[in-house]
Amino acid sequence: MDELQGFAWDDRYLLGHAVMDDTHREFVELVDALLTVDAEQLESALDAFARHAEAHFEQENRWMEMDGFPARDCHVDEHNKVLASVRDVQDELANGNVQLVRDLAVALMEWFPAHADYMDSALSTWLVKHSHGGRPLVFRRSGSQA
């Protein structure tokens, strides 16, 4: 098996909504674990990711429902597709399919930046506008890719 590459946090993922940014940091850490832990730890890492994803997406879904976010249906649909994939992979892992967990992690690593850039940044802007009357401020450290 090839050397596993991890998934590292980058300040380009910051959206200017503190709770969302903290949740996204945890998302990246848990996907990184799916990519890098030993096979014996995969079940535990996948279960931790599944719990996180359910809470993460439910939190965002509540925000969208509460504030009447216009792109809610599309955003919720993406969340539901990810959760369905995670559940399918949990079933496959129970049948011994370790590689599928790694494949899921790679897919999540590829999916997350665009989802954050388009869907979550729009939600962050919407939330901050409705709560503070302006746009989110984002401060990135030197050397981030954004």
C-alpha atoms as a PDB file:
ATOM      1  CA  MET A   1       0.000   0.000   0.000  1.00  0.00           C
ATOM      2  CA  ASP A   2       1.241   3.501  -0.815  1.00  0.00           C
ATOM      3  CA  GLU A   3       2.330   5.831   1.987  1.00  0.00           C
ATOM      4  CA  LEU A   4      -0.781   7.564   3.230  1.00  0.00           C
ATOM      5  CA  GLN A   5      -0.982  11.317   2.775  1.00  0.00           C
ATOM      6  CA  GLY A   6      -2.725  13.322   5.468  1.00  0.00           C
ATOM      7  CA  PHE A   7      -5.147  16.212   5.338  1.00  0.00           C
ATOM      8  CA  ALA A   8      -3.864  19.322   7.091  1.00  0.00           C
ATOM      9  CA  TRP A   9      -5.762  22.410   8.183  1.00  0.00           C
ATOM     10  CA  ASP A  10      -5.059  25.506   6.141  1.00  0.00           C
ATOM     11  CA  ASP A  11      -6.243  29.010   6.977  1.00  0.00           C
ATOM     12  CA  ARG A  12      -7.737  29.233   3.488  1.00  0.00           C
ATOM     13  CA  TYR A  13     -10.625  27.235   4.993  1.00  0.00           C
ATOM     14  CA  LEU A  14     -11.455  30.042   7.452  1.00  0.00           C
ATOM     15  CA  LEU A  15     -14.868  31.598   6.827  1.00  0.00           C
ATOM     16  CA  GLY A  16     -15.131  34.191   9.581  1.00  0.00           C
ATOM     17  CA  HIS A  17     -17.784  32.426  11.640  1.00  0.00           C
ATOM     18  CA  ALA A  18     -15.990  31.154  14.758  1.00  0.00           C
ATOM     19  CA  VAL A  19     -18.238  28.179  15.520  1.00  0.00           C
ATOM     20  CA  MET A  20     -18.230  27.051  11.887  1.00  0.00           C
ATOM     21  CA  ASP A  21     -14.465  27.501  11.623  1.00  0.00           C
ATOM     22  CA  ASP A  22     -13.892  25.429  14.786  1.00  0.00           C
ATOM     23  CA  THR A  23     -16.185  22.695  13.476  1.00  0.00           C
ATOM     24  CA  HIS A  24     -14.345  22.694  10.153  1.00  0.00           C
ATOM     25  CA  ARG A  25     -10.989  22.333  11.926  1.00  0.00           C
ATOM     26  CA  GLU A  26     -12.353  19.255  13.670  1.00  0.00           C
ATOM     27  CA  PHE A  27     -13.669  17.927  10.338  1.00  0.00           C
ATOM     28  CA  VAL A  28     -10.186  18.229   8.806  1.00  0.00           C
ATOM     29  CA  GLU A  29      -8.569  16.535  11.834  1.00  0.00           C
ATOM     30  CA  LEU A  30     -11.004  13.620  11.671  1.00  0.00           C
ATOM     31  CA  VAL A  31     -10.566  13.153   7.913  1.00  0.00           C
ATOM     32  CA  ASP A  32      -6.811  13.251   8.486  1.00  0.00           C
ATOM     33  CA  ALA A  33      -7.237  10.427  11.013  1.00  0.00           C
ATOM     34  CA  LEU A  34      -9.149   8.367   8.418  1.00  0.00           C
ATOM     35  CA  LEU A  35      -6.205   8.817   6.065  1.00  0.00           C
ATOM     36  CA  THR A  36      -3.397   8.132   8.510  1.00  0.00           C
ATOM     37  CA  VAL A  37      -4.421   5.803  11.355  1.00  0.00           C
ATOM     38  CA  ASP A  38      -3.475   2.138  11.360  1.00  0.00           C
ATOM     39  CA  ALA A  39      -6.053  -0.283   9.962  1.00  0.00           C
ATOM     40  CA  GLU A  40      -6.802  -1.488  13.501  1.00  0.00           C
ATOM     41  CA  GLN A  41      -7.924   2.034  14.439  1.00  0.00           C
ATOM     42  CA  LEU A  42     -10.060   2.682  11.362  1.00  0.00           C
ATOM     43  CA  GLU A  43     -13.357   1.572  12.866  1.00  0.00           C
ATOM     44  CA  SER A  44     -12.938   3.903  15.812  1.00  0.00           C
ATOM     45  CA  ALA A  45     -11.792   6.764  13.555  1.00  0.00           C
ATOM     46  CA  LEU A  46     -14.720   6.229  11.180  1.00  0.00           C
ATOM     47  CA  ASP A  47     -17.200   6.142  14.050  1.00  0.00           C
ATOM     48  CA  ALA A  48     -15.720   9.392  15.422  1.00  0.00           C
ATOM     49  CA  PHE A  49     -16.002  10.989  11.993  1.00  0.00           C
ATOM     50  CA  ALA A  50     -19.605   9.794  11.606  1.00  0.00           C
ATOM     51  CA  ARG A  51     -20.578  11.304  14.972  1.00  0.00           C
ATOM     52  CA  HIS A  52     -18.864  14.548  14.049  1.00  0.00           C
ATOM     53  CA  ALA A  53     -20.460  14.721  10.590  1.00  0.00           C
ATOM     54  CA  GLU A  54     -23.946  14.121  11.992  1.00  0.00           C
ATOM     55  CA  ALA A  55     -23.541  16.890  14.600  1.00  0.00           C
ATOM     56  CA  HIS A  56     -21.724  19.224  12.177  1.00  0.00           C
ATOM     57  CA  PHE A  57     -24.329  18.935   9.448  1.00  0.00           C
ATOM     58  CA  GLU A  58     -27.244  19.090  11.878  1.00  0.00           C
ATOM     59  CA  GLN A  59     -25.831  22.320  13.302  1.00  0.00           C
ATOM     60  CA  GLU A  60     -25.533  23.884   9.849  1.00  0.00           C
ATOM     61  CA  ASN A  61     -28.987  22.588   8.892  1.00  0.00           C
ATOM     62  CA  ARG A  62     -30.485  24.256  11.996  1.00  0.00           C
ATOM     63  CA  TRP A  63     -28.795  27.558  11.147  1.00  0.00           C
ATOM     64  CA  MET A  64     -30.172  27.417   7.616  1.00  0.00           C
ATOM     65  CA  GLU A  65     -33.665  26.571   8.848  1.00  0.00           C
ATOM     66  CA  MET A  66     -33.629  29.248  11.540  1.00  0.00           C
ATOM     67  CA  ASP A  67     -32.502  32.079   9.282  1.00  0.00           C
ATOM     68  CA  GLY A  68     -34.303  31.086   6.073  1.00  0.00           C
ATOM     69  CA  PHE A  69     -31.091  30.522   4.108  1.00  0.00           C
ATOM     70  CA  PRO A  70     -32.015  30.604   0.374  1.00  0.00           C
ATOM     71  CA  ALA A  71     -29.730  27.749  -0.775  1.00  0.00           C
ATOM     72  CA  ARG A  72     -30.805  25.478   2.080  1.00  0.00           C
ATOM     73  CA  ASP A  73     -32.159  22.555   0.031  1.00  0.00           C
ATOM     74  CA  CYS A  74     -29.016  22.124  -2.063  1.00  0.00           C
ATOM     75  CA  HIS A  75     -26.772  22.444   0.991  1.00  0.00           C
ATOM     76  CA  VAL A  76     -28.786  19.936   3.042  1.00  0.00           C
ATOM     77  CA  ASP A  77     -28.792  17.551   0.078  1.00  0.00           C
ATOM     78  CA  GLU A  78     -24.970  17.579   0.011  1.00  0.00           C
ATOM     79  CA  HIS A  79     -24.876  16.865   3.738  1.00  0.00           C
ATOM     80  CA  ASN A  80     -27.306  13.960   3.334  1.00  0.00           C
ATOM     81  CA  LYS A  81     -25.252  12.448   0.519  1.00  0.00           C
ATOM     82  CA  VAL A  82     -22.081  12.571   2.614  1.00  0.00           C
ATOM     83  CA  LEU A  83     -23.847  10.965   5.590  1.00  0.00           C
ATOM     84  CA  ALA A  84     -25.279   8.219   3.362  1.00  0.00           C
ATOM     85  CA  SER A  85     -21.794   7.502   2.026  1.00  0.00           C
ATOM     86  CA  VAL A  86     -20.367   7.362   5.543  1.00  0.00           C
ATOM     87  CA  ARG A  87     -23.050   4.879   6.620  1.00  0.00           C
ATOM     88  CA  ASP A  88     -22.401   2.723   3.543  1.00  0.00           C
ATOM     89  CA  VAL A  89     -18.671   2.734   4.266  1.00  0.00           C
ATOM     90  CA  GLN A  90     -19.296   1.814   7.922  1.00  0.00           C
ATOM     91  CA  ASP A  91     -21.239  -1.223   6.669  1.00  0.00           C
ATOM     92  CA  GLU A  92     -18.456  -2.129   4.247  1.00  0.00           C
ATOM     93  CA  LEU A  93     -15.801  -1.769   6.936  1.00  0.00           C
ATOM     94  CA  ALA A  94     -17.770  -4.208   9.096  1.00  0.00           C
ATOM     95  CA  ASN A  95     -17.342  -6.622   6.163  1.00  0.00           C
ATOM     96  CA  GLY A  96     -13.578  -6.031   6.129  1.00  0.00           C
ATOM     97  CA  ASN A  97     -13.309  -3.443   3.356  1.00  0.00           C
ATOM     98  CA  VAL A  98     -10.556  -1.240   4.808  1.00  0.00           C
ATOM     99  CA  GLN A  99      -9.610   0.381   1.493  1.00  0.00           C
ATOM    100  CA  LEU A 100     -13.084   1.867   1.091  1.00  0.00           C
ATOM    101  CA  VAL A 101     -12.536   3.908   4.280  1.00  0.00           C
ATOM    102  CA  ARG A 102      -9.346   5.354   2.792  1.00  0.00           C
ATOM    103  CA  ASP A 103     -11.190   6.050  -0.464  1.00  0.00           C
ATOM    104  CA  LEU A 104     -13.936   7.855   1.450  1.00  0.00           C
ATOM    105  CA  ALA A 105     -11.321   9.955   3.247  1.00  0.00           C
ATOM    106  CA  VAL A 106      -9.706  10.963  -0.055  1.00  0.00           C
ATOM    107  CA  ALA A 107     -13.135  11.853  -1.459  1.00  0.00           C
ATOM    108  CA  LEU A 108     -13.908  13.957   1.644  1.00  0.00           C
ATOM    109  CA  MET A 109     -10.530  15.675   1.388  1.00  0.00           C
ATOM    110  CA  GLU A 110     -11.318  16.562  -2.233  1.00  0.00           C
ATOM    111  CA  TRP A 111     -14.953  17.550  -1.498  1.00  0.00           C
ATOM    112  CA  PHE A 112     -14.428  19.741   1.548  1.00  0.00           C
ATOM    113  CA  PRO A 113     -12.550  22.749   0.075  1.00  0.00           C
ATOM    114  CA  ALA A 114     -15.162  23.412  -2.614  1.00  0.00           C
ATOM    115  CA  HIS A 115     -18.031  22.800  -0.200  1.00  0.00           C
ATOM    116  CA  ALA A 116     -16.510  25.257   2.270  1.00  0.00           C
ATOM    117  CA  ASP A 117     -15.656  27.799  -0.441  1.00  0.00           C
ATOM    118  CA  TYR A 118     -19.113  27.854  -1.988  1.00  0.00           C
ATOM    119  CA  MET A 119     -21.772  26.440   0.289  1.00  0.00           C
ATOM    120  CA  ASP A 120     -20.388  27.167   3.747  1.00  0.00           C
ATOM    121  CA  SER A 121     -18.925  30.574   2.889  1.00  0.00           C
ATOM    122  CA  ALA A 122     -22.345  31.651   1.626  1.00  0.00           C
ATOM    123  CA  LEU A 123     -23.912  30.375   4.851  1.00  0.00           C
ATOM    124  CA  SER A 124     -21.261  32.126   6.946  1.00  0.00           C
ATOM    125  CA  THR A 125     -21.884  35.407   5.125  1.00  0.00           C
ATOM    126  CA  TRP A 126     -25.656  34.985   5.526  1.00  0.00           C
ATOM    127  CA  LEU A 127     -25.368  34.278   9.253  1.00  0.00           C
ATOM    128  CA  VAL A 128     -23.018  37.163   9.963  1.00  0.00           C
ATOM    129  CA  LYS A 129     -25.106  39.553   7.880  1.00  0.00           C
ATOM    130  CA  HIS A 130     -28.260  38.589   9.778  1.00  0.00           C
ATOM    131  CA  SER A 131     -26.646  38.719  13.211  1.00  0.00           C
ATOM    132  CA  HIS A 132     -24.248  41.657  12.803  1.00  0.00           C
ATOM    133  CA  GLY A 133     -25.386  43.487   9.672  1.00  0.00           C
ATOM    134  CA  GLY A 134     -22.103  42.991   7.809  1.00  0.00           C
ATOM    135  CA  ARG A 135     -19.762  40.472   6.215  1.00  0.00           C
ATOM    136  CA  PRO A 136     -17.445  38.111   8.105  1.00  0.00           C
ATOM    137  CA  LEU A 137     -13.868  39.219   8.685  1.00  0.00           C
ATOM    138  CA  VAL A 138     -11.237  36.592   8.058  1.00  0.00           C
ATOM    139  CA  PHE A 139      -7.639  36.921   9.200  1.00  0.00           C
ATOM    140  CA  ARG A 140      -5.284  34.368   7.716  1.00  0.00           C
ATOM    141  CA  ARG A 141      -1.732  33.658   8.754  1.00  0.00           C
ATOM    142  CA  SER A 142       1.028  34.373   6.304  1.00  0.00           C
ATOM    143  CA  GLY A 143       1.727  31.362   4.150  1.00  0.00           C
ATOM    144  CA  SER A 144      -1.842  30.083   3.820  1.00  0.00           C
ATOM    145  CA  GLN A 145      -2.864  29.289   0.275  1.00  0.00           C
ATOM    146  CA  ALA A 146      -5.773  31.714   0.008  1.00  0.00           C
END
